[in-house]
Amino acid sequence: MIDLFITYLRNNASLTDGEIDRVVSLSTPRSLRRNELLLQEGQICRQKGFILKGLLYTAGSAAGEDGEHILQFSAEQNWILDAESYDQQIPSRFNIAAVEKTELLVWGRNDFEGLREEIPGLTKFAQQLISRNIYSSRQRILAALSGTPEEKYTSFVRNNPGLLQRLPLRMIASYLGISLKTLTRIRHAQIQR
């Protein structure tokens, strides 16, 4: 499975084989069972992970509300962490959990930050990922604020075709900020067309 990560870095980052070997050498394989937490609300995020196989979600609760709001799904070939907790070393307001059996590589914060100091290409690559995540988050916020439930669902299907069959409808509804009843109605209407 580590070969998947090596291929990912070769295709996406400008790192030498030696630098890739160094990054891999400080990683630790980790397996999560379905519904197992990688990070629990209230813990400090002390590691970042790369998903080799599987699917995770990030969710939090709004003050005074029951249930959780899913903010993000992360599948294969994606990085996962609570950036705010990781950067500021404060308790997380989110849970990160496995939707299905998941295989990851994880790096402790000190190890990864040491790698960033040691390997300038890794820092540049990390900055590019942060920029892409900011762009993606802004697009999601705009869609959430201005899109109809039908538009949100259509956009989700278009942008995440591989996730549709892997997620329970209740999780998709939470991610879209709509009720399960509304999502079921939308899906039924689309089938009727």
N, C-alpha and C. Protein backbone atom coordinates (compact mmCIF):
# COMPACT_ATOMS: atom_id res chain seq x y z
N MET A 1 0.82 -1.21 0.00
CA MET A 1 0.00 0.00 0.00
C MET A 1 0.86 1.27 0.00
N ILE A 2 2.03 1.19 0.58
CA ILE A 2 2.90 2.37 0.61
C ILE A 2 3.27 2.79 -0.81
N ASP A 3 3.28 1.81 -1.73
CA ASP A 3 3.56 2.14 -3.13
C ASP A 3 2.55 3.15 -3.69
N LEU A 4 1.29 3.08 -3.21
CA LEU A 4 0.27 4.05 -3.65
C LEU A 4 0.67 5.46 -3.25
N PHE A 5 1.21 5.61 -2.05
CA PHE A 5 1.64 6.93 -1.57
C PHE A 5 2.86 7.41 -2.34
N ILE A 6 3.80 6.52 -2.59
CA ILE A 6 5.00 6.89 -3.34
C ILE A 6 4.61 7.37 -4.74
N THR A 7 3.71 6.64 -5.39
CA THR A 7 3.22 7.04 -6.72
C THR A 7 2.52 8.39 -6.65
N TYR A 8 1.70 8.61 -5.61
CA TYR A 8 1.01 9.88 -5.42
C TYR A 8 2.03 11.03 -5.34
N LEU A 9 3.06 10.87 -4.51
CA LEU A 9 4.06 11.94 -4.38
C LEU A 9 4.81 12.16 -5.68
N ARG A 10 5.16 11.08 -6.37
CA ARG A 10 5.88 11.23 -7.64
C ARG A 10 5.04 12.00 -8.66
N ASN A 11 3.74 11.77 -8.65
CA ASN A 11 2.85 12.41 -9.63
C ASN A 11 2.42 13.82 -9.23
N ASN A 12 2.52 14.18 -7.96
CA ASN A 12 1.95 15.45 -7.51
C ASN A 12 2.93 16.43 -6.86
N ALA A 13 4.07 15.94 -6.41
CA ALA A 13 5.02 16.81 -5.71
C ALA A 13 6.37 16.74 -6.42
N SER A 14 7.10 17.83 -6.36
CA SER A 14 8.45 17.87 -6.96
C SER A 14 9.47 17.47 -5.91
N LEU A 15 9.54 16.16 -5.66
CA LEU A 15 10.46 15.65 -4.65
C LEU A 15 11.37 14.61 -5.30
N THR A 16 12.60 14.53 -4.81
CA THR A 16 13.52 13.51 -5.29
C THR A 16 13.14 12.17 -4.68
N ASP A 17 13.66 11.09 -5.24
CA ASP A 17 13.40 9.77 -4.67
C ASP A 17 13.89 9.69 -3.22
N GLY A 18 15.03 10.31 -2.94
CA GLY A 18 15.55 10.33 -1.58
C GLY A 18 14.62 11.07 -0.62
N GLU A 19 14.07 12.19 -1.08
CA GLU A 19 13.14 12.95 -0.24
C GLU A 19 11.86 12.16 -0.01
N ILE A 20 11.38 11.48 -1.04
CA ILE A 20 10.18 10.64 -0.88
C ILE A 20 10.46 9.53 0.12
N ASP A 21 11.63 8.90 0.01
CA ASP A 21 11.99 7.84 0.96
C ASP A 21 12.02 8.38 2.39
N ARG A 22 12.51 9.60 2.55
CA ARG A 22 12.58 10.22 3.90
C ARG A 22 11.18 10.47 4.44
N VAL A 23 10.27 10.97 3.61
CA VAL A 23 8.89 11.21 4.04
C VAL A 23 8.24 9.89 4.45
N VAL A 24 8.42 8.87 3.62
CA VAL A 24 7.83 7.56 3.92
C VAL A 24 8.42 6.97 5.20
N SER A 25 9.71 7.16 5.42
CA SER A 25 10.37 6.56 6.59
C SER A 25 9.80 7.05 7.92
N LEU A 26 9.22 8.22 7.94
CA LEU A 26 8.67 8.76 9.19
C LEU A 26 7.16 8.53 9.32
N SER A 27 6.59 7.81 8.35
CA SER A 27 5.15 7.53 8.42
C SER A 27 4.90 6.25 9.22
N THR A 28 3.68 6.16 9.75
CA THR A 28 3.25 4.97 10.47
C THR A 28 1.94 4.50 9.85
N PRO A 29 1.86 3.23 9.43
CA PRO A 29 0.58 2.72 8.91
C PRO A 29 -0.45 2.66 10.03
N ARG A 30 -1.68 2.94 9.68
CA ARG A 30 -2.78 2.89 10.65
C ARG A 30 -4.02 2.38 9.96
N SER A 31 -4.76 1.50 10.63
CA SER A 31 -6.02 0.97 10.12
C SER A 31 -7.15 1.42 11.03
N LEU A 32 -8.26 1.78 10.42
CA LEU A 32 -9.47 2.14 11.18
C LEU A 32 -10.60 1.23 10.75
N ARG A 33 -11.36 0.76 11.72
CA ARG A 33 -12.58 0.01 11.42
C ARG A 33 -13.69 1.00 11.09
N ARG A 34 -14.74 0.51 10.49
CA ARG A 34 -15.92 1.33 10.21
C ARG A 34 -16.39 1.99 11.52
N ASN A 35 -16.65 3.28 11.46
CA ASN A 35 -17.11 4.11 12.59
C ASN A 35 -16.03 4.40 13.63
N GLU A 36 -14.81 3.92 13.45
CA GLU A 36 -13.76 4.21 14.42
C GLU A 36 -13.27 5.64 14.22
N LEU A 37 -12.98 6.31 15.33
CA LEU A 37 -12.52 7.70 15.29
C LEU A 37 -11.02 7.79 15.07
N LEU A 38 -10.62 8.67 14.18
CA LEU A 38 -9.23 9.06 14.04
C LEU A 38 -8.93 10.21 15.00
N LEU A 39 -9.91 11.09 15.17
CA LEU A 39 -9.80 12.23 16.08
C LEU A 39 -11.15 12.45 16.72
N GLN A 40 -11.16 12.64 18.04
CA GLN A 40 -12.40 12.88 18.75
C GLN A 40 -12.45 14.34 19.22
N GLU A 41 -13.65 14.91 19.12
CA GLU A 41 -13.86 16.28 19.60
C GLU A 41 -13.28 16.41 21.00
N GLY A 42 -12.53 17.49 21.22
CA GLY A 42 -11.90 17.73 22.52
C GLY A 42 -10.44 17.30 22.58
N GLN A 43 -10.03 16.41 21.68
CA GLN A 43 -8.62 16.02 21.60
C GLN A 43 -7.85 17.05 20.78
N ILE A 44 -6.57 17.11 21.00
CA ILE A 44 -5.71 17.95 20.17
C ILE A 44 -5.20 17.10 19.02
N CYS A 45 -5.31 17.63 17.81
CA CYS A 45 -4.85 16.91 16.61
C CYS A 45 -3.32 16.97 16.57
N ARG A 46 -2.70 15.83 16.80
CA ARG A 46 -1.24 15.77 16.87
C ARG A 46 -0.63 15.00 15.69
N GLN A 47 -1.46 14.70 14.69
CA GLN A 47 -0.95 13.99 13.52
C GLN A 47 -1.75 14.37 12.28
N LYS A 48 -1.12 14.16 11.14
CA LYS A 48 -1.85 14.29 9.88
C LYS A 48 -1.73 12.97 9.17
N GLY A 49 -2.74 12.68 8.36
CA GLY A 49 -2.76 11.39 7.71
C GLY A 49 -3.00 11.50 6.22
N PHE A 50 -2.63 10.45 5.52
CA PHE A 50 -2.87 10.31 4.09
C PHE A 50 -3.65 9.02 3.91
N ILE A 51 -4.78 9.10 3.23
CA ILE A 51 -5.67 7.95 3.07
C ILE A 51 -5.22 7.11 1.87
N LEU A 52 -4.85 5.89 2.16
CA LEU A 52 -4.45 4.94 1.11
C LEU A 52 -5.67 4.23 0.54
N LYS A 53 -6.59 3.85 1.42
CA LYS A 53 -7.79 3.12 1.02
C LYS A 53 -8.85 3.39 2.07
N GLY A 54 -10.07 3.68 1.61
CA GLY A 54 -11.16 3.91 2.54
C GLY A 54 -11.75 5.30 2.43
N LEU A 55 -12.55 5.63 3.43
CA LEU A 55 -13.31 6.88 3.39
C LEU A 55 -13.53 7.38 4.81
N LEU A 56 -13.22 8.64 5.05
CA LEU A 56 -13.41 9.28 6.35
C LEU A 56 -14.33 10.48 6.19
N TYR A 57 -14.90 10.92 7.32
CA TYR A 57 -15.68 12.15 7.32
C TYR A 57 -15.29 12.99 8.52
N THR A 58 -15.44 14.30 8.37
CA THR A 58 -15.20 15.26 9.44
C THR A 58 -16.53 15.89 9.79
N ALA A 59 -16.88 15.89 11.08
CA ALA A 59 -18.18 16.42 11.50
C ALA A 59 -18.05 17.13 12.84
N GLY A 60 -18.93 18.09 13.02
CA GLY A 60 -18.99 18.82 14.28
C GLY A 60 -20.42 19.13 14.64
N SER A 61 -20.63 19.55 15.87
CA SER A 61 -21.97 19.92 16.32
C SER A 61 -22.01 21.42 16.54
N ALA A 62 -23.14 22.01 16.19
CA ALA A 62 -23.34 23.43 16.48
C ALA A 62 -23.83 23.55 17.92
N ALA A 63 -23.45 24.62 18.59
CA ALA A 63 -23.84 24.81 19.98
C ALA A 63 -25.36 24.76 20.12
N GLY A 64 -25.82 24.00 21.07
CA GLY A 64 -27.24 23.93 21.36
C GLY A 64 -28.04 23.05 20.41
N GLU A 65 -27.37 22.36 19.49
CA GLU A 65 -28.09 21.51 18.53
C GLU A 65 -27.76 20.04 18.79
N ASP A 66 -28.73 19.20 18.52
CA ASP A 66 -28.50 17.76 18.58
C ASP A 66 -27.95 17.31 17.23
N GLY A 67 -27.20 16.23 17.24
CA GLY A 67 -26.69 15.69 15.99
C GLY A 67 -25.43 16.41 15.54
N GLU A 68 -24.92 15.94 14.42
CA GLU A 68 -23.68 16.53 13.91
C GLU A 68 -23.87 16.98 12.47
N HIS A 69 -23.02 17.90 12.08
CA HIS A 69 -23.02 18.43 10.72
C HIS A 69 -21.76 17.94 10.03
N ILE A 70 -21.91 17.23 8.94
CA ILE A 70 -20.75 16.73 8.22
C ILE A 70 -20.20 17.85 7.34
N LEU A 71 -18.93 18.13 7.54
CA LEU A 71 -18.27 19.22 6.82
C LEU A 71 -17.49 18.73 5.62
N GLN A 72 -17.01 17.49 5.68
CA GLN A 72 -16.09 17.03 4.65
C GLN A 72 -16.07 15.52 4.59
N PHE A 73 -15.94 15.00 3.37
CA PHE A 73 -15.63 13.60 3.14
C PHE A 73 -14.23 13.55 2.55
N SER A 74 -13.46 12.56 2.97
CA SER A 74 -12.10 12.41 2.46
C SER A 74 -11.87 10.96 2.09
N ALA A 75 -11.59 10.73 0.82
CA ALA A 75 -11.39 9.37 0.30
C ALA A 75 -9.92 9.18 -0.07
N GLU A 76 -9.66 8.09 -0.76
CA GLU A 76 -8.31 7.74 -1.16
C GLU A 76 -7.58 8.91 -1.81
N GLN A 77 -6.28 8.94 -1.55
CA GLN A 77 -5.36 9.94 -2.08
C GLN A 77 -5.70 11.36 -1.62
N ASN A 78 -6.16 11.45 -0.39
CA ASN A 78 -6.39 12.75 0.24
C ASN A 78 -5.74 12.77 1.61
N TRP A 79 -5.36 13.97 2.02
CA TRP A 79 -4.81 14.19 3.35
C TRP A 79 -5.95 14.46 4.31
N ILE A 80 -5.76 14.15 5.58
CA ILE A 80 -6.81 14.35 6.58
C ILE A 80 -6.19 14.84 7.90
N LEU A 81 -6.80 15.87 8.46
CA LEU A 81 -6.45 16.39 9.77
C LEU A 81 -7.45 17.49 10.12
N ASP A 82 -7.44 17.93 11.37
CA ASP A 82 -8.15 19.15 11.74
C ASP A 82 -7.08 20.23 11.76
N ALA A 83 -7.03 21.03 10.71
CA ALA A 83 -5.94 22.00 10.53
C ALA A 83 -5.85 23.00 11.68
N GLU A 84 -6.98 23.48 12.15
CA GLU A 84 -6.96 24.47 13.24
C GLU A 84 -6.36 23.88 14.51
N SER A 85 -6.82 22.70 14.88
CA SER A 85 -6.30 22.04 16.08
C SER A 85 -4.82 21.69 15.91
N TYR A 86 -4.47 21.20 14.74
CA TYR A 86 -3.09 20.80 14.44
C TYR A 86 -2.15 22.00 14.50
N ASP A 87 -2.51 23.09 13.82
CA ASP A 87 -1.64 24.27 13.75
C ASP A 87 -1.52 24.98 15.10
N GLN A 88 -2.66 25.14 15.78
CA GLN A 88 -2.67 25.92 17.02
C GLN A 88 -2.53 25.07 18.28
N GLN A 89 -2.56 23.74 18.11
CA GLN A 89 -2.48 22.80 19.23
C GLN A 89 -3.53 23.12 20.30
N ILE A 90 -4.78 23.27 19.82
CA ILE A 90 -5.93 23.50 20.68
C ILE A 90 -6.90 22.32 20.52
N PRO A 91 -7.79 22.10 21.49
CA PRO A 91 -8.75 21.00 21.36
C PRO A 91 -9.61 21.14 20.11
N SER A 92 -9.80 20.03 19.44
CA SER A 92 -10.61 20.02 18.22
C SER A 92 -12.08 20.18 18.54
N ARG A 93 -12.79 20.82 17.65
CA ARG A 93 -14.25 20.92 17.75
C ARG A 93 -14.92 19.89 16.85
N PHE A 94 -14.13 18.98 16.28
CA PHE A 94 -14.64 18.04 15.29
C PHE A 94 -14.26 16.61 15.61
N ASN A 95 -15.05 15.70 15.07
CA ASN A 95 -14.72 14.28 15.03
C ASN A 95 -14.30 13.95 13.61
N ILE A 96 -13.30 13.10 13.49
CA ILE A 96 -12.93 12.53 12.20
C ILE A 96 -13.06 11.03 12.37
N ALA A 97 -13.92 10.42 11.56
CA ALA A 97 -14.21 9.00 11.71
C ALA A 97 -14.27 8.29 10.37
N ALA A 98 -14.13 6.97 10.42
CA ALA A 98 -14.16 6.15 9.20
C ALA A 98 -15.59 5.81 8.83
N VAL A 99 -15.94 6.02 7.58
CA VAL A 99 -17.23 5.59 7.03
C VAL A 99 -17.14 4.09 6.75
N GLU A 100 -15.96 3.65 6.35
CA GLU A 100 -15.72 2.25 6.01
C GLU A 100 -14.30 1.91 6.46
N LYS A 101 -13.92 0.66 6.40
CA LYS A 101 -12.57 0.25 6.77
C LYS A 101 -11.57 1.12 5.98
N THR A 102 -10.61 1.68 6.69
CA THR A 102 -9.71 2.66 6.08
C THR A 102 -8.27 2.36 6.46
N GLU A 103 -7.39 2.49 5.48
CA GLU A 103 -5.95 2.33 5.68
C GLU A 103 -5.29 3.69 5.43
N LEU A 104 -4.45 4.12 6.37
CA LEU A 104 -3.79 5.42 6.27
C LEU A 104 -2.31 5.30 6.56
N LEU A 105 -1.60 6.34 6.19
CA LEU A 105 -0.28 6.60 6.72
C LEU A 105 -0.43 7.84 7.58
N VAL A 106 0.18 7.86 8.77
CA VAL A 106 0.10 9.03 9.63
C VAL A 106 1.51 9.48 10.02
N TRP A 107 1.63 10.78 10.25
CA TRP A 107 2.86 11.39 10.71
C TRP A 107 2.55 12.20 11.95
N GLY A 108 3.37 12.05 12.98
CA GLY A 108 3.26 12.92 14.14
C GLY A 108 3.59 14.34 13.74
N ARG A 109 3.02 15.29 14.45
CA ARG A 109 3.21 16.70 14.11
C ARG A 109 4.69 17.09 14.08
N ASN A 110 5.43 16.71 15.10
CA ASN A 110 6.85 17.08 15.14
C ASN A 110 7.62 16.48 13.98
N ASP A 111 7.32 15.22 13.64
CA ASP A 111 8.00 14.59 12.51
C ASP A 111 7.66 15.30 11.20
N PHE A 112 6.38 15.60 10.98
CA PHE A 112 6.00 16.21 9.71
C PHE A 112 6.54 17.63 9.59
N GLU A 113 6.47 18.38 10.67
CA GLU A 113 7.01 19.75 10.62
C GLU A 113 8.52 19.73 10.42
N GLY A 114 9.19 18.72 10.98
CA GLY A 114 10.63 18.55 10.73
C GLY A 114 10.90 18.25 9.27
N LEU A 115 10.05 17.41 8.66
CA LEU A 115 10.20 17.12 7.24
C LEU A 115 10.01 18.37 6.39
N ARG A 116 9.06 19.22 6.78
CA ARG A 116 8.84 20.45 6.02
C ARG A 116 10.05 21.38 6.10
N GLU A 117 10.73 21.42 7.24
CA GLU A 117 11.93 22.24 7.37
C GLU A 117 13.08 21.64 6.56
N GLU A 118 13.14 20.33 6.55
CA GLU A 118 14.22 19.60 5.88
C GLU A 118 14.06 19.56 4.36
N ILE A 119 12.81 19.53 3.89
CA ILE A 119 12.53 19.33 2.46
C ILE A 119 11.68 20.50 1.94
N PRO A 120 12.32 21.52 1.36
CA PRO A 120 11.57 22.68 0.87
C PRO A 120 10.46 22.31 -0.14
N GLY A 121 10.67 21.30 -0.95
CA GLY A 121 9.65 20.88 -1.91
C GLY A 121 8.39 20.38 -1.24
N LEU A 122 8.53 19.80 -0.05
CA LEU A 122 7.36 19.34 0.70
C LEU A 122 6.57 20.54 1.22
N THR A 123 7.27 21.57 1.66
CA THR A 123 6.59 22.79 2.11
C THR A 123 5.82 23.44 0.96
N LYS A 124 6.44 23.51 -0.20
CA LYS A 124 5.77 24.09 -1.37
C LYS A 124 4.53 23.27 -1.74
N PHE A 125 4.66 21.96 -1.73
CA PHE A 125 3.54 21.08 -2.03
C PHE A 125 2.41 21.27 -1.01
N ALA A 126 2.75 21.35 0.28
CA ALA A 126 1.75 21.56 1.33
C ALA A 126 1.02 22.89 1.13
N GLN A 127 1.74 23.92 0.72
CA GLN A 127 1.11 25.22 0.47
C GLN A 127 0.14 25.15 -0.71
N GLN A 128 0.50 24.38 -1.74
CA GLN A 128 -0.40 24.20 -2.88
C GLN A 128 -1.68 23.48 -2.45
N LEU A 129 -1.55 22.47 -1.59
CA LEU A 129 -2.72 21.76 -1.08
C LEU A 129 -3.62 22.67 -0.26
N ILE A 130 -3.01 23.52 0.55
CA ILE A 130 -3.79 24.46 1.37
C ILE A 130 -4.55 25.41 0.46
N SER A 131 -3.90 25.92 -0.57
CA SER A 131 -4.58 26.83 -1.50
C SER A 131 -5.77 26.14 -2.17
N ARG A 132 -5.59 24.90 -2.62
CA ARG A 132 -6.69 24.16 -3.24
C ARG A 132 -7.83 23.93 -2.26
N ASN A 133 -7.50 23.63 -1.02
CA ASN A 133 -8.54 23.41 -0.01
C ASN A 133 -9.31 24.69 0.28
N ILE A 134 -8.63 25.81 0.31
CA ILE A 134 -9.31 27.09 0.53
C ILE A 134 -10.28 27.37 -0.61
N TYR A 135 -9.82 27.17 -1.84
CA TYR A 135 -10.69 27.38 -3.00
C TYR A 135 -11.91 26.47 -2.92
N SER A 136 -11.67 25.21 -2.65
CA SER A 136 -12.77 24.24 -2.57
C SER A 136 -13.75 24.61 -1.46
N SER A 137 -13.24 25.01 -0.32
CA SER A 137 -14.11 25.39 0.81
C SER A 137 -14.95 26.62 0.47
N ARG A 138 -14.36 27.58 -0.20
CA ARG A 138 -15.11 28.78 -0.58
C ARG A 138 -16.23 28.43 -1.55
N GLN A 139 -15.95 27.55 -2.50
CA GLN A 139 -16.99 27.12 -3.44
C GLN A 139 -18.12 26.40 -2.71
N ARG A 140 -17.75 25.56 -1.75
CA ARG A 140 -18.77 24.82 -0.98
C ARG A 140 -19.63 25.77 -0.15
N ILE A 141 -19.01 26.75 0.48
CA ILE A 141 -19.76 27.73 1.27
C ILE A 141 -20.73 28.51 0.39
N LEU A 142 -20.26 28.96 -0.75
CA LEU A 142 -21.11 29.70 -1.68
C LEU A 142 -22.30 28.84 -2.11
N ALA A 143 -22.05 27.59 -2.46
CA ALA A 143 -23.14 26.69 -2.87
C ALA A 143 -24.11 26.46 -1.72
N ALA A 144 -23.58 26.31 -0.51
CA ALA A 144 -24.45 26.07 0.65
C ALA A 144 -25.34 27.28 0.94
N LEU A 145 -24.81 28.47 0.72
CA LEU A 145 -25.57 29.68 1.03
C LEU A 145 -26.57 30.05 -0.07
N SER A 146 -26.24 29.71 -1.31
CA SER A 146 -27.08 30.21 -2.39
C SER A 146 -27.80 29.12 -3.19
N GLY A 147 -27.41 27.88 -3.05
CA GLY A 147 -28.00 26.82 -3.87
C GLY A 147 -29.29 26.27 -3.29
N THR A 148 -30.16 25.84 -4.16
CA THR A 148 -31.36 25.13 -3.72
C THR A 148 -30.95 23.72 -3.32
N PRO A 149 -31.78 23.00 -2.59
CA PRO A 149 -31.44 21.61 -2.26
C PRO A 149 -31.15 20.76 -3.51
N GLU A 150 -31.92 20.98 -4.57
CA GLU A 150 -31.70 20.23 -5.82
C GLU A 150 -30.33 20.56 -6.41
N GLU A 151 -29.97 21.84 -6.41
CA GLU A 151 -28.67 22.26 -6.95
C GLU A 151 -27.52 21.68 -6.10
N LYS A 152 -27.69 21.68 -4.79
CA LYS A 152 -26.66 21.13 -3.91
C LYS A 152 -26.44 19.65 -4.20
N TYR A 153 -27.54 18.91 -4.34
CA TYR A 153 -27.44 17.48 -4.59
C TYR A 153 -26.83 17.21 -5.96
N THR A 154 -27.27 17.93 -6.97
CA THR A 154 -26.74 17.75 -8.33
C THR A 154 -25.24 18.04 -8.35
N SER A 155 -24.83 19.09 -7.66
CA SER A 155 -23.41 19.44 -7.57
C SER A 155 -22.63 18.34 -6.85
N PHE A 156 -23.19 17.81 -5.77
CA PHE A 156 -22.52 16.74 -5.03
C PHE A 156 -22.31 15.52 -5.93
N VAL A 157 -23.36 15.13 -6.65
CA VAL A 157 -23.27 13.96 -7.54
C VAL A 157 -22.23 14.20 -8.63
N ARG A 158 -22.22 15.40 -9.21
CA ARG A 158 -21.28 15.73 -10.28
C ARG A 158 -19.84 15.74 -9.77
N ASN A 159 -19.62 16.31 -8.59
CA ASN A 159 -18.26 16.46 -8.07
C ASN A 159 -17.74 15.25 -7.30
N ASN A 160 -18.64 14.35 -6.91
CA ASN A 160 -18.24 13.19 -6.10
C ASN A 160 -18.89 11.90 -6.58
N PRO A 161 -18.79 11.58 -7.86
CA PRO A 161 -19.53 10.42 -8.36
C PRO A 161 -19.14 9.11 -7.69
N GLY A 162 -17.91 8.97 -7.28
CA GLY A 162 -17.47 7.74 -6.63
C GLY A 162 -17.94 7.57 -5.20
N LEU A 163 -18.42 8.64 -4.58
CA LEU A 163 -18.84 8.57 -3.18
C LEU A 163 -20.30 8.19 -3.01
N LEU A 164 -21.10 8.43 -4.02
CA LEU A 164 -22.54 8.25 -3.90
C LEU A 164 -22.92 6.86 -3.40
N GLN A 165 -22.30 5.83 -3.93
CA GLN A 165 -22.64 4.45 -3.54
C GLN A 165 -21.98 4.04 -2.22
N ARG A 166 -21.05 4.83 -1.73
CA ARG A 166 -20.31 4.46 -0.52
C ARG A 166 -20.87 5.11 0.74
N LEU A 167 -21.80 6.04 0.57
CA LEU A 167 -22.29 6.82 1.72
C LEU A 167 -23.77 6.56 1.99
N PRO A 168 -24.13 6.46 3.27
CA PRO A 168 -25.55 6.40 3.59
C PRO A 168 -26.21 7.75 3.26
N LEU A 169 -27.49 7.71 2.89
CA LEU A 169 -28.19 8.95 2.53
C LEU A 169 -28.20 9.96 3.67
N ARG A 170 -28.30 9.49 4.90
CA ARG A 170 -28.33 10.43 6.04
C ARG A 170 -27.05 11.26 6.11
N MET A 171 -25.92 10.67 5.72
CA MET A 171 -24.65 11.41 5.74
C MET A 171 -24.60 12.43 4.60
N ILE A 172 -25.09 12.05 3.44
CA ILE A 172 -25.14 12.98 2.32
C ILE A 172 -26.05 14.16 2.67
N ALA A 173 -27.20 13.87 3.27
CA ALA A 173 -28.14 14.93 3.67
C ALA A 173 -27.48 15.88 4.66
N SER A 174 -26.78 15.33 5.65
CA SER A 174 -26.09 16.17 6.62
C SER A 174 -25.05 17.05 5.95
N TYR A 175 -24.28 16.48 5.04
CA TYR A 175 -23.25 17.24 4.32
C TYR A 175 -23.87 18.37 3.51
N LEU A 176 -25.02 18.10 2.89
CA LEU A 176 -25.67 19.11 2.07
C LEU A 176 -26.47 20.12 2.89
N GLY A 177 -26.68 19.83 4.16
CA GLY A 177 -27.45 20.74 5.00
C GLY A 177 -28.95 20.68 4.72
N ILE A 178 -29.43 19.50 4.32
CA ILE A 178 -30.86 19.33 4.05
C ILE A 178 -31.36 18.12 4.84
N SER A 179 -32.66 18.00 4.96
CA SER A 179 -33.21 16.87 5.70
C SER A 179 -33.14 15.60 4.84
N LEU A 180 -33.17 14.47 5.51
CA LEU A 180 -33.19 13.19 4.81
C LEU A 180 -34.45 13.09 3.96
N LYS A 181 -35.55 13.61 4.47
CA LYS A 181 -36.82 13.60 3.73
C LYS A 181 -36.68 14.38 2.41
N THR A 182 -36.06 15.55 2.47
CA THR A 182 -35.86 16.37 1.27
C THR A 182 -34.95 15.65 0.28
N LEU A 183 -33.88 15.05 0.78
CA LEU A 183 -32.96 14.33 -0.11
C LEU A 183 -33.68 13.17 -0.79
N THR A 184 -34.47 12.44 -0.05
CA THR A 184 -35.22 11.31 -0.62
C THR A 184 -36.17 11.80 -1.71
N ARG A 185 -36.84 12.93 -1.46
CA ARG A 185 -37.75 13.51 -2.45
C ARG A 185 -37.01 13.91 -3.72
N ILE A 186 -35.85 14.53 -3.57
CA ILE A 186 -35.04 14.95 -4.72
C ILE A 186 -34.61 13.74 -5.55
N ARG A 187 -34.11 12.73 -4.86
CA ARG A 187 -33.65 11.52 -5.57
C ARG A 187 -34.81 10.84 -6.29
N HIS A 188 -35.96 10.78 -5.64
CA HIS A 188 -37.14 10.16 -6.26
C HIS A 188 -37.57 10.95 -7.51
N ALA A 189 -37.55 12.28 -7.41
CA ALA A 189 -37.92 13.11 -8.56
C ALA A 189 -36.96 12.91 -9.72
N GLN A 190 -35.68 12.77 -9.43
CA GLN A 190 -34.69 12.56 -10.50
C GLN A 190 -34.87 11.20 -11.17
N ILE A 191 -35.24 10.21 -10.40
CA ILE A 191 -35.49 8.88 -10.99
C ILE A 191 -36.71 8.91 -11.91
N GLN A 192 -37.72 9.71 -11.52
CA GLN A 192 -38.95 9.80 -12.31
C GLN A 192 -38.74 10.48 -13.66
N ARG A 193 -37.69 11.29 -13.77
CA ARG A 193 -37.44 12.03 -15.01
C ARG A 193 -36.94 11.17 -16.11
